[in-house]
Amino acid sequence: MENAKRYSKSLNTTVKVPVDSPGVRSVYHTYVIQTDYRNELKKYLEEHGIESKIHYPIPIHQQKAAGKQESLTICEQQAKRILSLPVHQYLTEDEVDYVVENIGIFHKLD
């Protein structure tokens, strides 16, 4: 939870960060940001030793098991922008800062 708070505080002007609704608290088993440069950022982070993941690259409603569904525009847009950052409890403050620093550097490059 502390790592997620650190990310949110440090990244909120660079990428879209998760926001808890009033009365709701996430456990942040994933920390998912949104950026228009998702694939490029993922590659950049990987080149700098930072693992990130794309969960649900195909929106659930478009997966074969869901059958034919109508378009869900917001969901489909988010599926192209989401990227999960490392957030587990064993990350050090320095490691979280390294992720934040590299995301900042990447966004200054474009």
PDB file of N, CA and C in Angstrom:
ATOM      1  N   MET A   1       0.823  -1.199   0.000  1.00  0.00           N
ATOM      2  CA  MET A   1       0.000   0.000   0.000  1.00  0.00           C
ATOM      3  C   MET A   1       0.868   1.266   0.000  1.00  0.00           C
ATOM      4  N   GLU A   2       1.955   1.236   0.751  1.00  0.00           N
ATOM      5  CA  GLU A   2       2.837   2.405   0.812  1.00  0.00           C
ATOM      6  C   GLU A   2       3.488   2.668  -0.549  1.00  0.00           C
ATOM      7  N   ASN A   3       3.838   1.603  -1.265  1.00  0.00           N
ATOM      8  CA  ASN A   3       4.435   1.781  -2.587  1.00  0.00           C
ATOM      9  C   ASN A   3       3.440   2.424  -3.550  1.00  0.00           C
ATOM     10  N   ALA A   4       2.193   2.014  -3.467  1.00  0.00           N
ATOM     11  CA  ALA A   4       1.161   2.601  -4.322  1.00  0.00           C
ATOM     12  C   ALA A   4       0.977   4.082  -3.999  1.00  0.00           C
ATOM     13  N   LYS A   5       0.968   4.426  -2.718  1.00  0.00           N
ATOM     14  CA  LYS A   5       0.843   5.835  -2.322  1.00  0.00           C
ATOM     15  C   LYS A   5       2.020   6.651  -2.863  1.00  0.00           C
ATOM     16  N   ARG A   6       3.208   6.068  -2.787  1.00  0.00           N
ATOM     17  CA  ARG A   6       4.410   6.750  -3.271  1.00  0.00           C
ATOM     18  C   ARG A   6       4.321   6.990  -4.783  1.00  0.00           C
ATOM     19  N   TYR A   7       3.889   5.948  -5.521  1.00  0.00           N
ATOM     20  CA  TYR A   7       3.694   6.106  -6.966  1.00  0.00           C
ATOM     21  C   TYR A   7       2.674   7.210  -7.256  1.00  0.00           C
ATOM     22  N   SER A   8       1.533   7.145  -6.597  1.00  0.00           N
ATOM     23  CA  SER A   8       0.459   8.104  -6.872  1.00  0.00           C
ATOM     24  C   SER A   8       0.919   9.533  -6.635  1.00  0.00           C
ATOM     25  N   LYS A   9       1.606   9.749  -5.538  1.00  0.00           N
ATOM     26  CA  LYS A   9       2.083  11.092  -5.210  1.00  0.00           C
ATOM     27  C   LYS A   9       3.106  11.581  -6.234  1.00  0.00           C
ATOM     28  N   SER A  10       3.972  10.689  -6.691  1.00  0.00           N
ATOM     29  CA  SER A  10       5.075  11.080  -7.568  1.00  0.00           C
ATOM     30  C   SER A  10       4.720  11.109  -9.052  1.00  0.00           C
ATOM     31  N   LEU A  11       3.720  10.330  -9.457  1.00  0.00           N
ATOM     32  CA  LEU A  11       3.431  10.188 -10.890  1.00  0.00           C
ATOM     33  C   LEU A  11       2.166  10.913 -11.356  1.00  0.00           C
ATOM     34  N   ASN A  12       1.417  11.494 -10.443  1.00  0.00           N
ATOM     35  CA  ASN A  12       0.092  12.016 -10.809  1.00  0.00           C
ATOM     36  C   ASN A  12       0.110  13.147 -11.833  1.00  0.00           C
ATOM     37  N   THR A  13       1.244  13.764 -12.077  1.00  0.00           N
ATOM     38  CA  THR A  13       1.295  14.803 -13.110  1.00  0.00           C
ATOM     39  C   THR A  13       1.929  14.288 -14.405  1.00  0.00           C
ATOM     40  N   THR A  14       2.390  13.035 -14.393  1.00  0.00           N
ATOM     41  CA  THR A  14       3.073  12.471 -15.554  1.00  0.00           C
ATOM     42  C   THR A  14       2.187  11.494 -16.320  1.00  0.00           C
ATOM     43  N   VAL A  15       1.501  10.622 -15.590  1.00  0.00           N
ATOM     44  CA  VAL A  15       0.615   9.616 -16.175  1.00  0.00           C
ATOM     45  C   VAL A  15      -0.684   9.600 -15.380  1.00  0.00           C
ATOM     46  N   LYS A  16      -1.684   8.913 -15.907  1.00  0.00           N
ATOM     47  CA  LYS A  16      -2.932   8.772 -15.154  1.00  0.00           C
ATOM     48  C   LYS A  16      -2.742   7.659 -14.132  1.00  0.00           C
ATOM     49  N   VAL A  17      -2.941   7.994 -12.870  1.00  0.00           N
ATOM     50  CA  VAL A  17      -2.766   7.035 -11.783  1.00  0.00           C
ATOM     51  C   VAL A  17      -4.123   6.619 -11.232  1.00  0.00           C
ATOM     52  N   PRO A  18      -4.192   5.468 -10.566  1.00  0.00           N
ATOM     53  CA  PRO A  18      -5.460   5.054  -9.966  1.00  0.00           C
ATOM     54  C   PRO A  18      -5.874   6.002  -8.846  1.00  0.00           C
ATOM     55  N   VAL A  19      -7.160   6.197  -8.719  1.00  0.00           N
ATOM     56  CA  VAL A  19      -7.702   7.055  -7.662  1.00  0.00           C
ATOM     57  C   VAL A  19      -8.769   6.256  -6.916  1.00  0.00           C
ATOM     58  N   ASP A  20      -8.629   6.192  -5.613  1.00  0.00           N
ATOM     59  CA  ASP A  20      -9.635   5.501  -4.806  1.00  0.00           C
ATOM     60  C   ASP A  20     -10.897   6.344  -4.711  1.00  0.00           C
ATOM     61  N   SER A  21     -12.026   5.691  -4.800  1.00  0.00           N
ATOM     62  CA  SER A  21     -13.308   6.371  -4.611  1.00  0.00           C
ATOM     63  C   SER A  21     -13.514   6.619  -3.126  1.00  0.00           C
ATOM     64  N   PRO A  22     -14.306   7.634  -2.774  1.00  0.00           N
ATOM     65  CA  PRO A  22     -14.581   7.891  -1.355  1.00  0.00           C
ATOM     66  C   PRO A  22     -15.150   6.639  -0.679  1.00  0.00           C
ATOM     67  N   GLY A  23     -14.604   6.306   0.462  1.00  0.00           N
ATOM     68  CA  GLY A  23     -15.081   5.142   1.205  1.00  0.00           C
ATOM     69  C   GLY A  23     -14.553   3.809   0.704  1.00  0.00           C
ATOM     70  N   VAL A  24     -13.692   3.845  -0.298  1.00  0.00           N
ATOM     71  CA  VAL A  24     -13.141   2.615  -0.872  1.00  0.00           C
ATOM     72  C   VAL A  24     -11.628   2.668  -0.752  1.00  0.00           C
ATOM     73  N   ARG A  25     -11.027   1.548  -0.379  1.00  0.00           N
ATOM     74  CA  ARG A  25      -9.576   1.489  -0.283  1.00  0.00           C
ATOM     75  C   ARG A  25      -9.087   0.261  -1.032  1.00  0.00           C
ATOM     76  N   SER A  26      -8.212   0.448  -1.981  1.00  0.00           N
ATOM     77  CA  SER A  26      -7.660  -0.651  -2.758  1.00  0.00           C
ATOM     78  C   SER A  26      -6.518  -1.302  -2.001  1.00  0.00           C
ATOM     79  N   VAL A  27      -6.309  -2.590  -2.238  1.00  0.00           N
ATOM     80  CA  VAL A  27      -5.160  -3.283  -1.658  1.00  0.00           C
ATOM     81  C   VAL A  27      -3.953  -3.202  -2.596  1.00  0.00           C
ATOM     82  N   TYR A  28      -4.168  -2.723  -3.809  1.00  0.00           N
ATOM     83  CA  TYR A  28      -3.101  -2.533  -4.797  1.00  0.00           C
ATOM     84  C   TYR A  28      -2.243  -3.777  -4.993  1.00  0.00           C
ATOM     85  N   HIS A  29      -2.903  -4.903  -5.294  1.00  0.00           N
ATOM     86  CA  HIS A  29      -2.128  -6.080  -5.683  1.00  0.00           C
ATOM     87  C   HIS A  29      -1.539  -5.857  -7.080  1.00  0.00           C
ATOM     88  N   THR A  30      -2.099  -4.891  -7.799  1.00  0.00           N
ATOM     89  CA  THR A  30      -1.498  -4.364  -9.032  1.00  0.00           C
ATOM     90  C   THR A  30      -1.569  -2.845  -8.922  1.00  0.00           C
ATOM     91  N   TYR A  31      -0.649  -2.182  -9.590  1.00  0.00           N
ATOM     92  CA  TYR A  31      -0.690  -0.724  -9.654  1.00  0.00           C
ATOM     93  C   TYR A  31      -0.682  -0.375 -11.133  1.00  0.00           C
ATOM     94  N   VAL A  32      -1.837   0.025 -11.631  1.00  0.00           N
ATOM     95  CA  VAL A  32      -2.039   0.196 -13.063  1.00  0.00           C
ATOM     96  C   VAL A  32      -2.120   1.678 -13.415  1.00  0.00           C
ATOM     97  N   ILE A  33      -1.187   2.105 -14.259  1.00  0.00           N
ATOM     98  CA  ILE A  33      -1.201   3.475 -14.764  1.00  0.00           C
ATOM     99  C   ILE A  33      -1.771   3.458 -16.172  1.00  0.00           C
ATOM    100  N   GLN A  34      -2.086   4.645 -16.687  1.00  0.00           N
ATOM    101  CA  GLN A  34      -2.509   4.779 -18.074  1.00  0.00           C
ATOM    102  C   GLN A  34      -1.655   5.838 -18.754  1.00  0.00           C
ATOM    103  N   THR A  35      -1.218   5.514 -19.968  1.00  0.00           N
ATOM    104  CA  THR A  35      -0.439   6.451 -20.766  1.00  0.00           C
ATOM    105  C   THR A  35      -0.682   6.181 -22.240  1.00  0.00           C
ATOM    106  N   ASP A  36      -0.656   7.244 -23.021  1.00  0.00           N
ATOM    107  CA  ASP A  36      -0.818   7.094 -24.472  1.00  0.00           C
ATOM    108  C   ASP A  36       0.391   6.429 -25.111  1.00  0.00           C
ATOM    109  N   TYR A  37       1.481   6.324 -24.370  1.00  0.00           N
ATOM    110  CA  TYR A  37       2.734   5.760 -24.890  1.00  0.00           C
ATOM    111  C   TYR A  37       3.057   4.435 -24.194  1.00  0.00           C
ATOM    112  N   ARG A  38       2.032   3.663 -23.896  1.00  0.00           N
ATOM    113  CA  ARG A  38       2.170   2.440 -23.121  1.00  0.00           C
ATOM    114  C   ARG A  38       3.256   1.501 -23.648  1.00  0.00           C
ATOM    115  N   ASN A  39       3.197   1.135 -24.923  1.00  0.00           N
ATOM    116  CA  ASN A  39       4.151   0.163 -25.466  1.00  0.00           C
ATOM    117  C   ASN A  39       5.576   0.704 -25.452  1.00  0.00           C
ATOM    118  N   GLU A  40       5.725   1.964 -25.795  1.00  0.00           N
ATOM    119  CA  GLU A  40       7.045   2.591 -25.790  1.00  0.00           C
ATOM    120  C   GLU A  40       7.596   2.693 -24.369  1.00  0.00           C
ATOM    121  N   LEU A  41       6.735   3.052 -23.414  1.00  0.00           N
ATOM    122  CA  LEU A  41       7.155   3.145 -22.019  1.00  0.00           C
ATOM    123  C   LEU A  41       7.545   1.776 -21.487  1.00  0.00           C
ATOM    124  N   LYS A  42       6.762   0.749 -21.804  1.00  0.00           N
ATOM    125  CA  LYS A  42       7.078  -0.608 -21.358  1.00  0.00           C
ATOM    126  C   LYS A  42       8.463  -1.015 -21.855  1.00  0.00           C
ATOM    127  N   LYS A  43       8.749  -0.759 -23.108  1.00  0.00           N
ATOM    128  CA  LYS A  43      10.052  -1.102 -23.688  1.00  0.00           C
ATOM    129  C   LYS A  43      11.161  -0.318 -22.983  1.00  0.00           C
ATOM    130  N   TYR A  44      10.953   0.963 -22.769  1.00  0.00           N
ATOM    131  CA  TYR A  44      11.944   1.806 -22.100  1.00  0.00           C
ATOM    132  C   TYR A  44      12.240   1.289 -20.688  1.00  0.00           C
ATOM    133  N   LEU A  45      11.182   0.971 -19.942  1.00  0.00           N
ATOM    134  CA  LEU A  45      11.373   0.470 -18.587  1.00  0.00           C
ATOM    135  C   LEU A  45      12.146  -0.851 -18.608  1.00  0.00           C
ATOM    136  N   GLU A  46      11.780  -1.726 -19.524  1.00  0.00           N
ATOM    137  CA  GLU A  46      12.483  -3.012 -19.649  1.00  0.00           C
ATOM    138  C   GLU A  46      13.972  -2.800 -19.925  1.00  0.00           C
ATOM    139  N   GLU A  47      14.286  -1.839 -20.802  1.00  0.00           N
ATOM    140  CA  GLU A  47      15.687  -1.537 -21.124  1.00  0.00           C
ATOM    141  C   GLU A  47      16.453  -1.009 -19.911  1.00  0.00           C
ATOM    142  N   HIS A  48      15.706  -0.532 -18.909  1.00  0.00           N
ATOM    143  CA  HIS A  48      16.332  -0.005 -17.695  1.00  0.00           C
ATOM    144  C   HIS A  48      16.126  -0.940 -16.495  1.00  0.00           C
ATOM    145  N   GLY A  49      15.837  -2.205 -16.794  1.00  0.00           N
ATOM    146  CA  GLY A  49      15.751  -3.224 -15.744  1.00  0.00           C
ATOM    147  C   GLY A  49      14.498  -3.192 -14.910  1.00  0.00           C
ATOM    148  N   ILE A  50      13.437  -2.593 -15.426  1.00  0.00           N
ATOM    149  CA  ILE A  50      12.186  -2.479 -14.674  1.00  0.00           C
ATOM    150  C   ILE A  50      11.118  -3.323 -15.365  1.00  0.00           C
ATOM    151  N   GLU A  51      10.610  -4.296 -14.640  1.00  0.00           N
ATOM    152  CA  GLU A  51       9.561  -5.151 -15.193  1.00  0.00           C
ATOM    153  C   GLU A  51       8.212  -4.446 -15.080  1.00  0.00           C
ATOM    154  N   SER A  52       7.440  -4.515 -16.139  1.00  0.00           N
ATOM    155  CA  SER A  52       6.058  -4.027 -16.121  1.00  0.00           C
ATOM    156  C   SER A  52       5.228  -5.041 -16.892  1.00  0.00           C
ATOM    157  N   LYS A  53       3.938  -4.992 -16.724  1.00  0.00           N
ATOM    158  CA  LYS A  53       3.043  -5.963 -17.355  1.00  0.00           C
ATOM    159  C   LYS A  53       1.855  -5.263 -18.007  1.00  0.00           C
ATOM    160  N   ILE A  54       1.337  -5.904 -19.023  1.00  0.00           N
ATOM    161  CA  ILE A  54       0.082  -5.464 -19.631  1.00  0.00           C
ATOM    162  C   ILE A  54      -0.954  -6.529 -19.285  1.00  0.00           C
ATOM    163  N   HIS A  55      -1.781  -6.218 -18.309  1.00  0.00           N
ATOM    164  CA  HIS A  55      -2.851  -7.142 -17.943  1.00  0.00           C
ATOM    165  C   HIS A  55      -4.047  -6.875 -18.853  1.00  0.00           C
ATOM    166  N   TYR A  56      -4.638  -7.915 -19.343  1.00  0.00           N
ATOM    167  CA  TYR A  56      -5.809  -7.828 -20.223  1.00  0.00           C
ATOM    168  C   TYR A  56      -5.551  -6.987 -21.463  1.00  0.00           C
ATOM    169  N   PRO A  57      -4.571  -7.384 -22.291  1.00  0.00           N
ATOM    170  CA  PRO A  57      -4.334  -6.642 -23.530  1.00  0.00           C
ATOM    171  C   PRO A  57      -5.550  -6.707 -24.464  1.00  0.00           C
ATOM    172  N   ILE A  58      -6.340  -7.755 -24.303  1.00  0.00           N
ATOM    173  CA  ILE A  58      -7.618  -7.864 -25.014  1.00  0.00           C
ATOM    174  C   ILE A  58      -8.696  -7.694 -23.952  1.00  0.00           C
ATOM    175  N   PRO A  59      -9.531  -6.672 -24.101  1.00  0.00           N
ATOM    176  CA  PRO A  59     -10.578  -6.474 -23.092  1.00  0.00           C
ATOM    177  C   PRO A  59     -11.394  -7.752 -22.891  1.00  0.00           C
ATOM    178  N   ILE A  60     -11.805  -7.988 -21.671  1.00  0.00           N
ATOM    179  CA  ILE A  60     -12.511  -9.223 -21.335  1.00  0.00           C
ATOM    180  C   ILE A  60     -13.735  -9.428 -22.215  1.00  0.00           C
ATOM    181  N   HIS A  61     -14.467  -8.364 -22.511  1.00  0.00           N
ATOM    182  CA  HIS A  61     -15.684  -8.519 -23.311  1.00  0.00           C
ATOM    183  C   HIS A  61     -15.383  -8.901 -24.760  1.00  0.00           C
ATOM    184  N   GLN A  62     -14.127  -8.758 -25.200  1.00  0.00           N
ATOM    185  CA  GLN A  62     -13.756  -9.133 -26.566  1.00  0.00           C
ATOM    186  C   GLN A  62     -13.090 -10.512 -26.639  1.00  0.00           C
ATOM    187  N   GLN A  63     -12.898 -11.148 -25.505  1.00  0.00           N
ATOM    188  CA  GLN A  63     -12.288 -12.470 -25.503  1.00  0.00           C
ATOM    189  C   GLN A  63     -13.295 -13.522 -25.943  1.00  0.00           C
ATOM    190  N   LYS A  64     -12.779 -14.567 -26.543  1.00  0.00           N
ATOM    191  CA  LYS A  64     -13.606 -15.609 -27.147  1.00  0.00           C
ATOM    192  C   LYS A  64     -14.665 -16.146 -26.182  1.00  0.00           C
ATOM    193  N   ALA A  65     -14.278 -16.348 -24.930  1.00  0.00           N
ATOM    194  CA  ALA A  65     -15.206 -16.926 -23.952  1.00  0.00           C
ATOM    195  C   ALA A  65     -16.418 -16.029 -23.682  1.00  0.00           C
ATOM    196  N   ALA A  66     -16.276 -14.749 -23.922  1.00  0.00           N
ATOM    197  CA  ALA A  66     -17.373 -13.813 -23.659  1.00  0.00           C
ATOM    198  C   ALA A  66     -18.437 -13.845 -24.753  1.00  0.00           C
ATOM    199  N   GLY A  67     -18.118 -14.456 -25.873  1.00  0.00           N
ATOM    200  CA  GLY A  67     -19.053 -14.448 -26.984  1.00  0.00           C
ATOM    201  C   GLY A  67     -19.056 -13.078 -27.633  1.00  0.00           C
ATOM    202  N   LYS A  68     -19.941 -12.856 -28.538  1.00  0.00           N
ATOM    203  CA  LYS A  68     -19.985 -11.564 -29.233  1.00  0.00           C
ATOM    204  C   LYS A  68     -20.660 -10.542 -28.332  1.00  0.00           C
ATOM    205  N   GLN A  69     -19.954  -9.458 -28.079  1.00  0.00           N
ATOM    206  CA  GLN A  69     -20.460  -8.397 -27.218  1.00  0.00           C
ATOM    207  C   GLN A  69     -20.476  -7.083 -27.982  1.00  0.00           C
ATOM    208  N   GLU A  70     -21.296  -6.174 -27.538  1.00  0.00           N
ATOM    209  CA  GLU A  70     -21.283  -4.842 -28.132  1.00  0.00           C
ATOM    210  C   GLU A  70     -20.002  -4.131 -27.739  1.00  0.00           C
ATOM    211  N   SER A  71     -19.688  -3.083 -28.436  1.00  0.00           N
ATOM    212  CA  SER A  71     -18.478  -2.325 -28.167  1.00  0.00           C
ATOM    213  C   SER A  71     -18.595  -1.596 -26.830  1.00  0.00           C
ATOM    214  N   LEU A  72     -17.515  -1.642 -26.060  1.00  0.00           N
ATOM    215  CA  LEU A  72     -17.410  -0.895 -24.810  1.00  0.00           C
ATOM    216  C   LEU A  72     -16.240   0.063 -24.987  1.00  0.00           C
ATOM    217  N   THR A  73     -16.539   1.234 -25.505  1.00  0.00           N
ATOM    218  CA  THR A  73     -15.523   2.180 -25.960  1.00  0.00           C
ATOM    219  C   THR A  73     -14.492   2.538 -24.906  1.00  0.00           C
ATOM    220  N   ILE A  74     -14.916   2.877 -23.719  1.00  0.00           N
ATOM    221  CA  ILE A  74     -13.968   3.279 -22.671  1.00  0.00           C
ATOM    222  C   ILE A  74     -13.061   2.118 -22.305  1.00  0.00           C
ATOM    223  N   CYS A  75     -13.627   0.944 -22.142  1.00  0.00           N
ATOM    224  CA  CYS A  75     -12.852  -0.251 -21.823  1.00  0.00           C
ATOM    225  C   CYS A  75     -11.815  -0.519 -22.916  1.00  0.00           C
ATOM    226  N   GLU A  76     -12.213  -0.396 -24.156  1.00  0.00           N
ATOM    227  CA  GLU A  76     -11.310  -0.648 -25.276  1.00  0.00           C
ATOM    228  C   GLU A  76     -10.195   0.394 -25.339  1.00  0.00           C
ATOM    229  N   GLN A  77     -10.509   1.635 -25.031  1.00  0.00           N
ATOM    230  CA  GLN A  77      -9.479   2.680 -24.992  1.00  0.00           C
ATOM    231  C   GLN A  77      -8.493   2.422 -23.857  1.00  0.00           C
ATOM    232  N   GLN A  78      -9.000   2.053 -22.696  1.00  0.00           N
ATOM    233  CA  GLN A  78      -8.126   1.792 -21.554  1.00  0.00           C
ATOM    234  C   GLN A  78      -7.227   0.584 -21.808  1.00  0.00           C
ATOM    235  N   ALA A  79      -7.726  -0.420 -22.488  1.00  0.00           N
ATOM    236  CA  ALA A  79      -6.931  -1.619 -22.765  1.00  0.00           C
ATOM    237  C   ALA A  79      -5.676  -1.284 -23.577  1.00  0.00           C
ATOM    238  N   LYS A  80      -5.712  -0.205 -24.327  1.00  0.00           N
ATOM    239  CA  LYS A  80      -4.564   0.221 -25.127  1.00  0.00           C
ATOM    240  C   LYS A  80      -3.598   1.094 -24.332  1.00  0.00           C
ATOM    241  N   ARG A  81      -4.000   1.523 -23.134  1.00  0.00           N
ATOM    242  CA  ARG A  81      -3.217   2.505 -22.369  1.00  0.00           C
ATOM    243  C   ARG A  81      -2.689   1.982 -21.038  1.00  0.00           C
ATOM    244  N   ILE A  82      -3.181   0.844 -20.558  1.00  0.00           N
ATOM    245  CA  ILE A  82      -2.842   0.407 -19.209  1.00  0.00           C
ATOM    246  C   ILE A  82      -1.504  -0.324 -19.127  1.00  0.00           C
ATOM    247  N   LEU A  83      -0.801  -0.072 -18.040  1.00  0.00           N
ATOM    248  CA  LEU A  83       0.480  -0.703 -17.777  1.00  0.00           C
ATOM    249  C   LEU A  83       0.613  -0.887 -16.268  1.00  0.00           C
ATOM    250  N   SER A  84       0.909  -2.112 -15.850  1.00  0.00           N
ATOM    251  CA  SER A  84       1.068  -2.409 -14.420  1.00  0.00           C
ATOM    252  C   SER A  84       2.525  -2.268 -14.026  1.00  0.00           C
ATOM    253  N   LEU A  85       2.760  -1.487 -12.985  1.00  0.00           N
ATOM    254  CA  LEU A  85       4.103  -1.272 -12.454  1.00  0.00           C
ATOM    255  C   LEU A  85       4.356  -2.236 -11.293  1.00  0.00           C
ATOM    256  N   PRO A  86       5.629  -2.507 -10.989  1.00  0.00           N
ATOM    257  CA  PRO A  86       5.905  -3.345  -9.826  1.00  0.00           C
ATOM    258  C   PRO A  86       5.424  -2.645  -8.555  1.00  0.00           C
ATOM    259  N   VAL A  87       4.750  -3.389  -7.681  1.00  0.00           N
ATOM    260  CA  VAL A  87       4.180  -2.762  -6.490  1.00  0.00           C
ATOM    261  C   VAL A  87       4.272  -3.664  -5.257  1.00  0.00           C
ATOM    262  N   HIS A  88       4.910  -4.808  -5.362  1.00  0.00           N
ATOM    263  CA  HIS A  88       4.934  -5.761  -4.250  1.00  0.00           C
ATOM    264  C   HIS A  88       5.604  -5.192  -2.999  1.00  0.00           C
ATOM    265  N   GLN A  89       5.344  -5.834  -1.883  1.00  0.00           N
ATOM    266  CA  GLN A  89       5.770  -5.316  -0.581  1.00  0.00           C
ATOM    267  C   GLN A  89       7.279  -5.364  -0.363  1.00  0.00           C
ATOM    268  N   TYR A  90       8.012  -6.055  -1.211  1.00  0.00           N
ATOM    269  CA  TYR A  90       9.459  -6.155  -1.031  1.00  0.00           C
ATOM    270  C   TYR A  90      10.240  -5.069  -1.773  1.00  0.00           C
ATOM    271  N   LEU A  91       9.552  -4.218  -2.513  1.00  0.00           N
ATOM    272  CA  LEU A  91      10.235  -3.104  -3.172  1.00  0.00           C
ATOM    273  C   LEU A  91      10.749  -2.123  -2.127  1.00  0.00           C
ATOM    274  N   THR A  92      11.928  -1.630  -2.353  1.00  0.00           N
ATOM    275  CA  THR A  92      12.466  -0.608  -1.452  1.00  0.00           C
ATOM    276  C   THR A  92      12.025   0.768  -1.943  1.00  0.00           C
ATOM    277  N   GLU A  93      12.162   1.769  -1.098  1.00  0.00           N
ATOM    278  CA  GLU A  93      11.857   3.141  -1.519  1.00  0.00           C
ATOM    279  C   GLU A  93      12.743   3.538  -2.696  1.00  0.00           C
ATOM    280  N   ASP A  94      14.003   3.125  -2.656  1.00  0.00           N
ATOM    281  CA  ASP A  94      14.922   3.441  -3.756  1.00  0.00           C
ATOM    282  C   ASP A  94      14.463   2.816  -5.068  1.00  0.00           C
ATOM    283  N   GLU A  95      13.925   1.604  -5.008  1.00  0.00           N
ATOM    284  CA  GLU A  95      13.446   0.943  -6.224  1.00  0.00           C
ATOM    285  C   GLU A  95      12.201   1.649  -6.776  1.00  0.00           C
ATOM    286  N   VAL A  96      11.301   2.043  -5.898  1.00  0.00           N
ATOM    287  CA  VAL A  96      10.119   2.792  -6.346  1.00  0.00           C
ATOM    288  C   VAL A  96      10.571   4.122  -6.951  1.00  0.00           C
ATOM    289  N   ASP A  97      11.497   4.791  -6.301  1.00  0.00           N
ATOM    290  CA  ASP A  97      12.022   6.055  -6.825  1.00  0.00           C
ATOM    291  C   ASP A  97      12.673   5.863  -8.194  1.00  0.00           C
ATOM    292  N   TYR A  98      13.343   4.732  -8.396  1.00  0.00           N
ATOM    293  CA  TYR A  98      13.987   4.432  -9.684  1.00  0.00           C
ATOM    294  C   TYR A  98      12.938   4.290 -10.786  1.00  0.00           C
ATOM    295  N   VAL A  99      11.837   3.619 -10.479  1.00  0.00           N
ATOM    296  CA  VAL A  99      10.743   3.479 -11.445  1.00  0.00           C
ATOM    297  C   VAL A  99      10.182   4.863 -11.782  1.00  0.00           C
ATOM    298  N   VAL A 100       9.888   5.647 -10.756  1.00  0.00           N
ATOM    299  CA  VAL A 100       9.330   6.992 -10.938  1.00  0.00           C
ATOM    300  C   VAL A 100      10.284   7.854 -11.772  1.00  0.00           C
ATOM    301  N   GLU A 101      11.556   7.810 -11.421  1.00  0.00           N
ATOM    302  CA  GLU A 101      12.563   8.602 -12.139  1.00  0.00           C
ATOM    303  C   GLU A 101      12.599   8.230 -13.618  1.00  0.00           C
ATOM    304  N   ASN A 102      12.561   6.945 -13.919  1.00  0.00           N
ATOM    305  CA  ASN A 102      12.627   6.514 -15.317  1.00  0.00           C
ATOM    306  C   ASN A 102      11.359   6.849 -16.089  1.00  0.00           C
ATOM    307  N   ILE A 103      10.218   6.802 -15.457  1.00  0.00           N
ATOM    308  CA  ILE A 103       8.982   7.219 -16.128  1.00  0.00           C
ATOM    309  C   ILE A 103       9.054   8.710 -16.439  1.00  0.00           C
ATOM    310  N   GLY A 104       9.571   9.491 -15.502  1.00  0.00           N
ATOM    311  CA  GLY A 104       9.735  10.930 -15.731  1.00  0.00           C
ATOM    312  C   GLY A 104      10.697  11.213 -16.875  1.00  0.00           C
ATOM    313  N   ILE A 105      11.827  10.522 -16.894  1.00  0.00           N
ATOM    314  CA  ILE A 105      12.799  10.699 -17.977  1.00  0.00           C
ATOM    315  C   ILE A 105      12.175  10.335 -19.311  1.00  0.00           C
ATOM    316  N   PHE A 106      11.480   9.202 -19.367  1.00  0.00           N
ATOM    317  CA  PHE A 106      10.837   8.776 -20.611  1.00  0.00           C
ATOM    318  C   PHE A 106       9.894   9.846 -21.140  1.00  0.00           C
ATOM    319  N   HIS A 107       9.066  10.407 -20.281  1.00  0.00           N
ATOM    320  CA  HIS A 107       8.076  11.381 -20.733  1.00  0.00           C
ATOM    321  C   HIS A 107       8.718  12.716 -21.141  1.00  0.00           C
ATOM    322  N   LYS A 108       9.894  13.004 -20.657  1.00  0.00           N
ATOM    323  CA  LYS A 108      10.609  14.199 -21.105  1.00  0.00           C
ATOM    324  C   LYS A 108      11.237  13.986 -22.474  1.00  0.00           C
ATOM    325  N   LEU A 109      11.466  12.720 -22.857  1.00  0.00           N
ATOM    326  CA  LEU A 109      12.091  12.394 -24.140  1.00  0.00           C
ATOM    327  C   LEU A 109      11.132  12.566 -25.316  1.00  0.00           C
ATOM    328  N   ASP A 110       9.829  12.359 -25.073  1.00  0.00           N
ATOM    329  CA  ASP A 110       8.897  12.394 -26.217  1.00  0.00           C
ATOM    330  C   ASP A 110       8.485  13.767 -26.628  1.00  0.00           C
TER     331      ASP A 110
END
